[in-house]
Amino acid sequence: MPVLSANQGQIWRRRTSRTQWAIWASWLVGIAIVGYCWKLVSDRTVWFFVTDAGTQAADLASRMVPPKWSYMDVLWRPVWDTINIATLGTVLALAMAFPIAFLAARNTTPNSAVRAFALFVIVSSRSINSLIWALMLVAIIGPGIFAGVLAIGLRSIGFCAKLLYEAIEEIDAKQVEAIEATGASGGQKLIFGVIPQILPTFAGISVFRWDINIRESTVLGLVGAGGIGIQLDASISTLAWTQVSLILLVILATVVVSEWVSAKVRHAII
């Protein structure tokens, strides 16, 4: 095993028996874990379907060609709904994440109990997928776009607040101290000392999360939360594969355009 000497040269030394046995034991344990996990997966897998997957995929692809372009007249409104769900959900998340981020940051909230509550909100939001939020909200307030907006918003709070409170903790404290030296109040220190330093980060987080939400909102309709996912679910249920292929192309185009827009906006901000 190589060891660096004082002149940075490598000196090879023989491993001790204890070290060698520890290495072999680690390999043995690792191989045993992998073998056990593979056995669990294998026992719960119907290998006939796995081996036949290529044939089934080719058959399904043949049914999806050519896309039913006339169905595009039905998709314009759902695509617009999807964009609105992502946009309004992002705005809702940012409005709630902004104060939560200040409550979670150490340099703006010294109270540990308040910080713990803010961090709990952040973790709770990030730990629940948007589809799960949508399922619960559809059961509570009924299906529709409003449930989708709330699902996207609740899912995005933790993401935005986490990145934002980390940015708040990394601000230049000297600027805040300079403002404090003028006799400014706590609110004035936040407005003139903290917020100007985090505004570029806030703008970048907003655009980045909106881009992510465009992708997530395309599938919320599968659980009844509005958007193009409703048409996708209906087309799959009725085996209208030419419509499915068109919907997938539309989703792809929407994501590509949103990625291009977000990249342009981030470039302009930075």
C-alpha atoms as a PDB file:
ATOM      1  CA  MET A   1       0.000   0.000   0.000  1.00  0.00           C
ATOM      2  CA  PRO A   2       1.473   3.443  -0.967  1.00  0.00           C
ATOM      3  CA  VAL A   3       2.395   5.953   1.762  1.00  0.00           C
ATOM      4  CA  LEU A   4       3.674   9.498   1.140  1.00  0.00           C
ATOM      5  CA  SER A   5       7.115  10.184   2.605  1.00  0.00           C
ATOM      6  CA  ALA A   6       8.537  13.522   3.683  1.00  0.00           C
ATOM      7  CA  ASN A   7       9.736  14.308   0.135  1.00  0.00           C
ATOM      8  CA  GLN A   8       6.312  13.355  -1.305  1.00  0.00           C
ATOM      9  CA  GLY A   9       7.630  10.097  -2.742  1.00  0.00           C
ATOM     10  CA  GLN A  10       5.617   6.887  -2.486  1.00  0.00           C
ATOM     11  CA  ILE A  11       6.902   4.096  -0.291  1.00  0.00           C
ATOM     12  CA  TRP A  12       5.230   0.720  -0.633  1.00  0.00           C
ATOM     13  CA  ARG A  13       4.521  -1.109   2.592  1.00  0.00           C
ATOM     14  CA  ARG A  14       3.035  -4.553   3.050  1.00  0.00           C
ATOM     15  CA  ARG A  15      -0.409  -4.607   4.611  1.00  0.00           C
ATOM     16  CA  THR A  16      -0.731  -6.184   8.019  1.00  0.00           C
ATOM     17  CA  SER A  17      -2.763  -9.352   8.369  1.00  0.00           C
ATOM     18  CA  ARG A  18      -5.490  -7.493  10.235  1.00  0.00           C
ATOM     19  CA  THR A  19      -5.821  -4.909   7.470  1.00  0.00           C
ATOM     20  CA  GLN A  20      -5.903  -7.586   4.785  1.00  0.00           C
ATOM     21  CA  TRP A  21      -8.607  -9.572   6.587  1.00  0.00           C
ATOM     22  CA  ALA A  22     -10.664  -6.399   7.096  1.00  0.00           C
ATOM     23  CA  ILE A  23     -10.518  -5.660   3.363  1.00  0.00           C
ATOM     24  CA  TRP A  24     -11.549  -9.191   2.430  1.00  0.00           C
ATOM     25  CA  ALA A  25     -14.365  -9.111   4.999  1.00  0.00           C
ATOM     26  CA  SER A  26     -15.644  -5.836   3.543  1.00  0.00           C
ATOM     27  CA  TRP A  27     -15.679  -7.320   0.043  1.00  0.00           C
ATOM     28  CA  LEU A  28     -17.444 -10.441   1.311  1.00  0.00           C
ATOM     29  CA  VAL A  29     -20.137  -8.414   3.077  1.00  0.00           C
ATOM     30  CA  GLY A  30     -20.634  -6.224   0.015  1.00  0.00           C
ATOM     31  CA  ILE A  31     -20.984  -9.203  -2.328  1.00  0.00           C
ATOM     32  CA  ALA A  32     -23.400 -10.890   0.076  1.00  0.00           C
ATOM     33  CA  ILE A  33     -25.595  -7.775   0.225  1.00  0.00           C
ATOM     34  CA  VAL A  34     -25.640  -7.440  -3.576  1.00  0.00           C
ATOM     35  CA  GLY A  35     -26.457 -11.150  -3.966  1.00  0.00           C
ATOM     36  CA  TYR A  36     -29.285 -10.954  -1.443  1.00  0.00           C
ATOM     37  CA  CYS A  37     -30.779  -7.866  -3.095  1.00  0.00           C
ATOM     38  CA  TRP A  38     -30.572  -9.516  -6.514  1.00  0.00           C
ATOM     39  CA  LYS A  39     -32.376 -12.578  -5.162  1.00  0.00           C
ATOM     40  CA  LEU A  40     -35.175 -10.388  -3.789  1.00  0.00           C
ATOM     41  CA  VAL A  41     -35.547  -8.615  -7.124  1.00  0.00           C
ATOM     42  CA  SER A  42     -35.397 -11.870  -9.065  1.00  0.00           C
ATOM     43  CA  ASP A  43     -38.032 -13.588  -6.921  1.00  0.00           C
ATOM     44  CA  ARG A  44     -40.457 -10.708  -7.477  1.00  0.00           C
ATOM     45  CA  THR A  45     -39.858 -10.361 -11.216  1.00  0.00           C
ATOM     46  CA  VAL A  46     -41.814 -12.163 -13.920  1.00  0.00           C
ATOM     47  CA  TRP A  47     -38.956 -12.777 -16.322  1.00  0.00           C
ATOM     48  CA  PHE A  48     -41.270 -13.802 -19.163  1.00  0.00           C
ATOM     49  CA  PHE A  49     -42.500 -10.223 -19.423  1.00  0.00           C
ATOM     50  CA  VAL A  50     -38.938  -8.895 -19.222  1.00  0.00           C
ATOM     51  CA  THR A  51     -37.720 -11.070 -22.092  1.00  0.00           C
ATOM     52  CA  ASP A  52     -40.804 -10.180 -24.133  1.00  0.00           C
ATOM     53  CA  ALA A  53     -40.485  -6.448 -23.438  1.00  0.00           C
ATOM     54  CA  GLY A  54     -38.643  -5.673 -26.676  1.00  0.00           C
ATOM     55  CA  THR A  55     -41.353  -7.226 -28.817  1.00  0.00           C
ATOM     56  CA  GLN A  56     -44.107  -5.457 -26.918  1.00  0.00           C
ATOM     57  CA  ALA A  57     -42.303  -2.106 -27.139  1.00  0.00           C
ATOM     58  CA  ALA A  58     -41.844  -2.467 -30.893  1.00  0.00           C
ATOM     59  CA  ASP A  59     -45.530  -3.376 -31.309  1.00  0.00           C
ATOM     60  CA  LEU A  60     -46.614  -0.392 -29.217  1.00  0.00           C
ATOM     61  CA  ALA A  61     -44.327   1.964 -31.148  1.00  0.00           C
ATOM     62  CA  SER A  62     -45.839   0.777 -34.439  1.00  0.00           C
ATOM     63  CA  ARG A  63     -49.315   1.626 -33.133  1.00  0.00           C
ATOM     64  CA  MET A  64     -48.204   5.146 -32.198  1.00  0.00           C
ATOM     65  CA  VAL A  65     -47.084   6.024 -35.724  1.00  0.00           C
ATOM     66  CA  PRO A  66     -48.102   8.307 -37.308  1.00  0.00           C
ATOM     67  CA  PRO A  67     -49.268  10.762 -34.623  1.00  0.00           C
ATOM     68  CA  LYS A  68     -52.836  11.968 -34.954  1.00  0.00           C
ATOM     69  CA  TRP A  69     -52.075  15.606 -35.850  1.00  0.00           C
ATOM     70  CA  SER A  70     -55.746  16.556 -36.019  1.00  0.00           C
ATOM     71  CA  TYR A  71     -55.967  15.928 -32.273  1.00  0.00           C
ATOM     72  CA  MET A  72     -53.817  19.018 -31.764  1.00  0.00           C
ATOM     73  CA  ASP A  73     -56.968  21.172 -31.792  1.00  0.00           C
ATOM     74  CA  VAL A  74     -57.968  19.532 -28.512  1.00  0.00           C
ATOM     75  CA  LEU A  75     -54.556  19.982 -26.875  1.00  0.00           C
ATOM     76  CA  TRP A  76     -54.049  23.751 -27.071  1.00  0.00           C
ATOM     77  CA  ARG A  77     -56.173  24.469 -23.996  1.00  0.00           C
ATOM     78  CA  PRO A  78     -54.624  21.685 -21.824  1.00  0.00           C
ATOM     79  CA  VAL A  79     -51.121  22.883 -22.747  1.00  0.00           C
ATOM     80  CA  TRP A  80     -52.065  26.402 -21.709  1.00  0.00           C
ATOM     81  CA  ASP A  81     -53.512  25.026 -18.465  1.00  0.00           C
ATOM     82  CA  THR A  82     -50.271  23.155 -17.816  1.00  0.00           C
ATOM     83  CA  ILE A  83     -48.205  26.318 -18.251  1.00  0.00           C
ATOM     84  CA  ASN A  84     -50.573  28.225 -15.962  1.00  0.00           C
ATOM     85  CA  ILE A  85     -50.377  25.510 -13.307  1.00  0.00           C
ATOM     86  CA  ALA A  86     -46.586  25.662 -13.332  1.00  0.00           C
ATOM     87  CA  THR A  87     -46.454  29.470 -13.345  1.00  0.00           C
ATOM     88  CA  LEU A  88     -49.069  30.124 -10.666  1.00  0.00           C
ATOM     89  CA  GLY A  89     -47.715  27.285  -8.521  1.00  0.00           C
ATOM     90  CA  THR A  90     -44.227  28.771  -8.727  1.00  0.00           C
ATOM     91  CA  VAL A  91     -45.504  32.232  -7.775  1.00  0.00           C
ATOM     92  CA  LEU A  92     -47.395  30.765  -4.812  1.00  0.00           C
ATOM     93  CA  ALA A  93     -44.318  28.833  -3.686  1.00  0.00           C
ATOM     94  CA  LEU A  94     -42.041  31.874  -3.926  1.00  0.00           C
ATOM     95  CA  ALA A  95     -44.477  34.029  -1.941  1.00  0.00           C
ATOM     96  CA  MET A  96     -44.441  31.473   0.893  1.00  0.00           C
ATOM     97  CA  ALA A  97     -40.785  30.457   0.607  1.00  0.00           C
ATOM     98  CA  PHE A  98     -39.429  33.995   0.933  1.00  0.00           C
ATOM     99  CA  PRO A  99     -40.466  34.565   4.576  1.00  0.00           C
ATOM    100  CA  ILE A 100     -39.801  30.923   5.495  1.00  0.00           C
ATOM    101  CA  ALA A 101     -36.223  31.282   4.234  1.00  0.00           C
ATOM    102  CA  PHE A 102     -35.630  34.257   6.530  1.00  0.00           C
ATOM    103  CA  LEU A 103     -37.058  32.309   9.453  1.00  0.00           C
ATOM    104  CA  ALA A 104     -34.746  29.363   8.676  1.00  0.00           C
ATOM    105  CA  ALA A 105     -31.517  31.341   8.287  1.00  0.00           C
ATOM    106  CA  ARG A 106     -29.277  31.559  11.353  1.00  0.00           C
ATOM    107  CA  ASN A 107     -28.217  35.148  10.786  1.00  0.00           C
ATOM    108  CA  THR A 108     -31.785  36.462  10.510  1.00  0.00           C
ATOM    109  CA  THR A 109     -33.553  34.261  13.081  1.00  0.00           C
ATOM    110  CA  PRO A 110     -31.562  33.548  16.249  1.00  0.00           C
ATOM    111  CA  ASN A 111     -34.551  31.849  17.897  1.00  0.00           C
ATOM    112  CA  SER A 112     -33.926  28.098  17.631  1.00  0.00           C
ATOM    113  CA  ALA A 113     -37.601  27.162  17.997  1.00  0.00           C
ATOM    114  CA  VAL A 114     -38.625  29.389  15.094  1.00  0.00           C
ATOM    115  CA  ARG A 115     -35.776  28.016  12.963  1.00  0.00           C
ATOM    116  CA  ALA A 116     -36.806  24.461  13.788  1.00  0.00           C
ATOM    117  CA  PHE A 117     -40.371  25.172  12.662  1.00  0.00           C
ATOM    118  CA  ALA A 118     -39.182  26.747   9.394  1.00  0.00           C
ATOM    119  CA  LEU A 119     -36.834  23.856   8.694  1.00  0.00           C
ATOM    120  CA  PHE A 120     -39.654  21.409   9.399  1.00  0.00           C
ATOM    121  CA  VAL A 121     -41.815  23.150   6.798  1.00  0.00           C
ATOM    122  CA  ILE A 122     -38.976  22.974   4.280  1.00  0.00           C
ATOM    123  CA  VAL A 123     -38.317  19.286   4.880  1.00  0.00           C
ATOM    124  CA  SER A 124     -42.033  18.431   4.809  1.00  0.00           C
ATOM    125  CA  SER A 125     -42.513  20.159   1.478  1.00  0.00           C
ATOM    126  CA  ARG A 126     -39.476  18.543  -0.150  1.00  0.00           C
ATOM    127  CA  SER A 127     -40.220  15.051   1.132  1.00  0.00           C
ATOM    128  CA  ILE A 128     -43.662  14.750  -0.527  1.00  0.00           C
ATOM    129  CA  ASN A 129     -43.822  14.390  -4.300  1.00  0.00           C
ATOM    130  CA  SER A 130     -46.092  16.679  -6.299  1.00  0.00           C
ATOM    131  CA  LEU A 131     -48.224  13.711  -7.417  1.00  0.00           C
ATOM    132  CA  ILE A 132     -48.893  12.814  -3.785  1.00  0.00           C
ATOM    133  CA  TRP A 133     -49.793  16.427  -3.012  1.00  0.00           C
ATOM    134  CA  ALA A 134     -52.137  16.366  -6.028  1.00  0.00           C
ATOM    135  CA  LEU A 135     -53.778  13.117  -4.910  1.00  0.00           C
ATOM    136  CA  MET A 136     -54.503  14.532  -1.461  1.00  0.00           C
ATOM    137  CA  LEU A 137     -55.700  17.890  -2.777  1.00  0.00           C
ATOM    138  CA  VAL A 138     -57.989  16.307  -5.381  1.00  0.00           C
ATOM    139  CA  ALA A 139     -59.575  14.301  -2.578  1.00  0.00           C
ATOM    140  CA  ILE A 140     -59.978  17.447  -0.449  1.00  0.00           C
ATOM    141  CA  ILE A 141     -60.996  20.195  -2.901  1.00  0.00           C
ATOM    142  CA  GLY A 142     -61.927  18.138  -5.954  1.00  0.00           C
ATOM    143  CA  PRO A 143     -60.282  17.711  -9.367  1.00  0.00           C
ATOM    144  CA  GLY A 144     -59.207  20.632 -11.484  1.00  0.00           C
ATOM    145  CA  ILE A 145     -56.519  23.214 -12.129  1.00  0.00           C
ATOM    146  CA  PHE A 146     -56.723  24.718  -8.630  1.00  0.00           C
ATOM    147  CA  ALA A 147     -55.628  21.430  -7.079  1.00  0.00           C
ATOM    148  CA  GLY A 148     -52.704  21.323  -9.514  1.00  0.00           C
ATOM    149  CA  VAL A 149     -51.602  24.854  -8.664  1.00  0.00           C
ATOM    150  CA  LEU A 150     -51.663  24.096  -4.941  1.00  0.00           C
ATOM    151  CA  ALA A 151     -49.800  20.811  -5.466  1.00  0.00           C
ATOM    152  CA  ILE A 152     -47.019  22.500  -7.422  1.00  0.00           C
ATOM    153  CA  GLY A 153     -46.872  25.335  -4.902  1.00  0.00           C
ATOM    154  CA  LEU A 154     -46.671  23.115  -1.833  1.00  0.00           C
ATOM    155  CA  ARG A 155     -44.051  20.917  -3.466  1.00  0.00           C
ATOM    156  CA  SER A 156     -41.890  23.901  -4.483  1.00  0.00           C
ATOM    157  CA  ILE A 157     -41.829  25.721  -1.137  1.00  0.00           C
ATOM    158  CA  GLY A 158     -39.122  23.514   0.343  1.00  0.00           C
ATOM    159  CA  PHE A 159     -36.907  23.662  -2.745  1.00  0.00           C
ATOM    160  CA  CYS A 160     -37.043  27.451  -3.025  1.00  0.00           C
ATOM    161  CA  ALA A 161     -36.782  28.123   0.712  1.00  0.00           C
ATOM    162  CA  LYS A 162     -33.801  25.805   1.171  1.00  0.00           C
ATOM    163  CA  LEU A 163     -31.723  27.419  -1.570  1.00  0.00           C
ATOM    164  CA  LEU A 164     -32.771  30.881  -0.480  1.00  0.00           C
ATOM    165  CA  TYR A 165     -31.993  30.482   3.218  1.00  0.00           C
ATOM    166  CA  GLU A 166     -28.570  29.092   2.329  1.00  0.00           C
ATOM    167  CA  ALA A 167     -27.987  32.218   0.242  1.00  0.00           C
ATOM    168  CA  ILE A 168     -29.099  34.402   3.174  1.00  0.00           C
ATOM    169  CA  GLU A 169     -26.592  32.693   5.478  1.00  0.00           C
ATOM    170  CA  GLU A 170     -23.790  33.359   2.972  1.00  0.00           C
ATOM    171  CA  ILE A 171     -24.337  37.111   2.570  1.00  0.00           C
ATOM    172  CA  ASP A 172     -21.577  39.630   3.307  1.00  0.00           C
ATOM    173  CA  ALA A 173     -22.124  40.579   6.959  1.00  0.00           C
ATOM    174  CA  LYS A 174     -20.039  43.743   6.571  1.00  0.00           C
ATOM    175  CA  GLN A 175     -22.735  45.405   4.475  1.00  0.00           C
ATOM    176  CA  VAL A 176     -25.315  44.702   7.163  1.00  0.00           C
ATOM    177  CA  GLU A 177     -22.957  45.999   9.873  1.00  0.00           C
ATOM    178  CA  ALA A 178     -22.379  49.196   7.902  1.00  0.00           C
ATOM    179  CA  ILE A 179     -26.124  49.812   7.689  1.00  0.00           C
ATOM    180  CA  GLU A 180     -26.527  48.955  11.376  1.00  0.00           C
ATOM    181  CA  ALA A 181     -23.856  51.521  12.239  1.00  0.00           C
ATOM    182  CA  THR A 182     -26.103  54.259  10.833  1.00  0.00           C
ATOM    183  CA  GLY A 183     -28.726  53.439  13.463  1.00  0.00           C
ATOM    184  CA  ALA A 184     -31.011  51.503  11.118  1.00  0.00           C
ATOM    185  CA  SER A 185     -33.778  49.340  12.557  1.00  0.00           C
ATOM    186  CA  GLY A 186     -34.058  45.588  12.082  1.00  0.00           C
ATOM    187  CA  GLY A 187     -36.464  45.983   9.187  1.00  0.00           C
ATOM    188  CA  GLN A 188     -34.223  48.506   7.474  1.00  0.00           C
ATOM    189  CA  LYS A 189     -31.243  46.156   7.814  1.00  0.00           C
ATOM    190  CA  LEU A 190     -33.231  43.444   6.042  1.00  0.00           C
ATOM    191  CA  ILE A 191     -34.494  45.755   3.290  1.00  0.00           C
ATOM    192  CA  PHE A 192     -31.234  47.542   2.549  1.00  0.00           C
ATOM    193  CA  GLY A 193     -28.601  45.086   3.765  1.00  0.00           C
ATOM    194  CA  VAL A 194     -29.866  41.552   3.158  1.00  0.00           C
ATOM    195  CA  ILE A 195     -32.463  41.598   0.388  1.00  0.00           C
ATOM    196  CA  PRO A 196     -30.301  43.395  -2.236  1.00  0.00           C
ATOM    197  CA  GLN A 197     -27.626  40.721  -1.790  1.00  0.00           C
ATOM    198  CA  ILE A 198     -29.999  37.797  -2.358  1.00  0.00           C
ATOM    199  CA  LEU A 199     -32.148  39.220  -5.162  1.00  0.00           C
ATOM    200  CA  PRO A 200     -30.024  37.705  -7.997  1.00  0.00           C
ATOM    201  CA  THR A 201     -30.158  34.314  -6.256  1.00  0.00           C
ATOM    202  CA  PHE A 202     -33.897  34.692  -5.732  1.00  0.00           C
ATOM    203  CA  ALA A 203     -34.426  35.451  -9.417  1.00  0.00           C
ATOM    204  CA  GLY A 204     -32.312  32.483 -10.472  1.00  0.00           C
ATOM    205  CA  ILE A 205     -34.162  30.128  -8.123  1.00  0.00           C
ATOM    206  CA  SER A 206     -37.501  31.387  -9.435  1.00  0.00           C
ATOM    207  CA  VAL A 207     -36.672  30.681 -13.065  1.00  0.00           C
ATOM    208  CA  PHE A 208     -35.040  27.334 -12.300  1.00  0.00           C
ATOM    209  CA  ARG A 209     -38.005  26.129 -10.255  1.00  0.00           C
ATOM    210  CA  TRP A 210     -40.482  27.296 -12.891  1.00  0.00           C
ATOM    211  CA  ASP A 211     -38.624  25.186 -15.442  1.00  0.00           C
ATOM    212  CA  ILE A 212     -38.872  22.141 -13.149  1.00  0.00           C
ATOM    213  CA  ASN A 213     -42.557  22.794 -12.468  1.00  0.00           C
ATOM    214  CA  ILE A 214     -43.357  22.817 -16.191  1.00  0.00           C
ATOM    215  CA  ARG A 215     -42.203  19.210 -16.320  1.00  0.00           C
ATOM    216  CA  GLU A 216     -43.966  18.161 -13.134  1.00  0.00           C
ATOM    217  CA  SER A 217     -47.266  19.781 -14.094  1.00  0.00           C
ATOM    218  CA  THR A 218     -47.502  17.718 -17.296  1.00  0.00           C
ATOM    219  CA  VAL A 219     -48.308  14.576 -15.289  1.00  0.00           C
ATOM    220  CA  LEU A 220     -50.603  16.004 -12.605  1.00  0.00           C
ATOM    221  CA  GLY A 221     -53.596  15.395 -14.841  1.00  0.00           C
ATOM    222  CA  LEU A 222     -53.057  11.658 -14.380  1.00  0.00           C
ATOM    223  CA  VAL A 223     -54.547  12.063 -10.897  1.00  0.00           C
ATOM    224  CA  GLY A 224     -57.147  14.662 -11.894  1.00  0.00           C
ATOM    225  CA  ALA A 225     -55.241  17.866 -11.119  1.00  0.00           C
ATOM    226  CA  GLY A 226     -55.666  19.479 -14.535  1.00  0.00           C
ATOM    227  CA  GLY A 227     -53.335  20.038 -17.464  1.00  0.00           C
ATOM    228  CA  ILE A 228     -52.376  17.911 -20.431  1.00  0.00           C
ATOM    229  CA  GLY A 229     -52.055  14.837 -18.231  1.00  0.00           C
ATOM    230  CA  ILE A 230     -55.838  14.429 -18.356  1.00  0.00           C
ATOM    231  CA  GLN A 231     -55.725  13.933 -22.128  1.00  0.00           C
ATOM    232  CA  LEU A 232     -52.766  11.589 -21.750  1.00  0.00           C
ATOM    233  CA  ASP A 233     -54.610   9.445 -19.209  1.00  0.00           C
ATOM    234  CA  ALA A 234     -57.772   9.373 -21.328  1.00  0.00           C
ATOM    235  CA  SER A 235     -55.868   8.420 -24.490  1.00  0.00           C
ATOM    236  CA  ILE A 236     -53.982   5.609 -22.750  1.00  0.00           C
ATOM    237  CA  SER A 237     -57.192   4.308 -21.179  1.00  0.00           C
ATOM    238  CA  THR A 238     -58.911   4.146 -24.576  1.00  0.00           C
ATOM    239  CA  LEU A 239     -55.779   2.697 -26.290  1.00  0.00           C
ATOM    240  CA  ALA A 240     -55.655   5.693 -28.655  1.00  0.00           C
ATOM    241  CA  TRP A 241     -51.915   5.333 -29.217  1.00  0.00           C
ATOM    242  CA  THR A 242     -51.697   7.802 -32.104  1.00  0.00           C
ATOM    243  CA  GLN A 243     -53.059  10.449 -29.722  1.00  0.00           C
ATOM    244  CA  VAL A 244     -50.604   9.369 -27.043  1.00  0.00           C
ATOM    245  CA  SER A 245     -47.658   9.855 -29.396  1.00  0.00           C
ATOM    246  CA  LEU A 246     -48.870  13.369 -30.272  1.00  0.00           C
ATOM    247  CA  ILE A 247     -49.313  14.232 -26.588  1.00  0.00           C
ATOM    248  CA  LEU A 248     -45.794  13.006 -25.815  1.00  0.00           C
ATOM    249  CA  LEU A 249     -44.411  15.145 -28.641  1.00  0.00           C
ATOM    250  CA  VAL A 250     -46.294  18.170 -27.322  1.00  0.00           C
ATOM    251  CA  ILE A 251     -44.971  17.585 -23.797  1.00  0.00           C
ATOM    252  CA  LEU A 252     -41.440  17.271 -25.195  1.00  0.00           C
ATOM    253  CA  ALA A 253     -41.812  20.509 -27.153  1.00  0.00           C
ATOM    254  CA  THR A 254     -43.207  22.325 -24.101  1.00  0.00           C
ATOM    255  CA  VAL A 255     -40.309  21.199 -21.924  1.00  0.00           C
ATOM    256  CA  VAL A 256     -37.744  22.171 -24.572  1.00  0.00           C
ATOM    257  CA  VAL A 257     -39.249  25.641 -24.944  1.00  0.00           C
ATOM    258  CA  SER A 258     -39.390  26.143 -21.166  1.00  0.00           C
ATOM    259  CA  GLU A 259     -35.757  25.035 -20.901  1.00  0.00           C
ATOM    260  CA  TRP A 260     -34.775  27.543 -23.596  1.00  0.00           C
ATOM    261  CA  VAL A 261     -36.715  30.358 -21.930  1.00  0.00           C
ATOM    262  CA  SER A 262     -35.264  29.626 -18.486  1.00  0.00           C
ATOM    263  CA  ALA A 263     -31.725  29.447 -19.905  1.00  0.00           C
ATOM    264  CA  LYS A 264     -32.152  32.827 -21.609  1.00  0.00           C
ATOM    265  CA  VAL A 265     -33.581  34.422 -18.461  1.00  0.00           C
ATOM    266  CA  ARG A 266     -30.848  32.962 -16.214  1.00  0.00           C
ATOM    267  CA  HIS A 267     -28.206  34.190 -18.649  1.00  0.00           C
ATOM    268  CA  ALA A 268     -29.736  37.669 -18.597  1.00  0.00           C
ATOM    269  CA  ILE A 269     -29.821  37.689 -14.783  1.00  0.00           C
ATOM    270  CA  ILE A 270     -26.289  36.402 -14.309  1.00  0.00           C
END
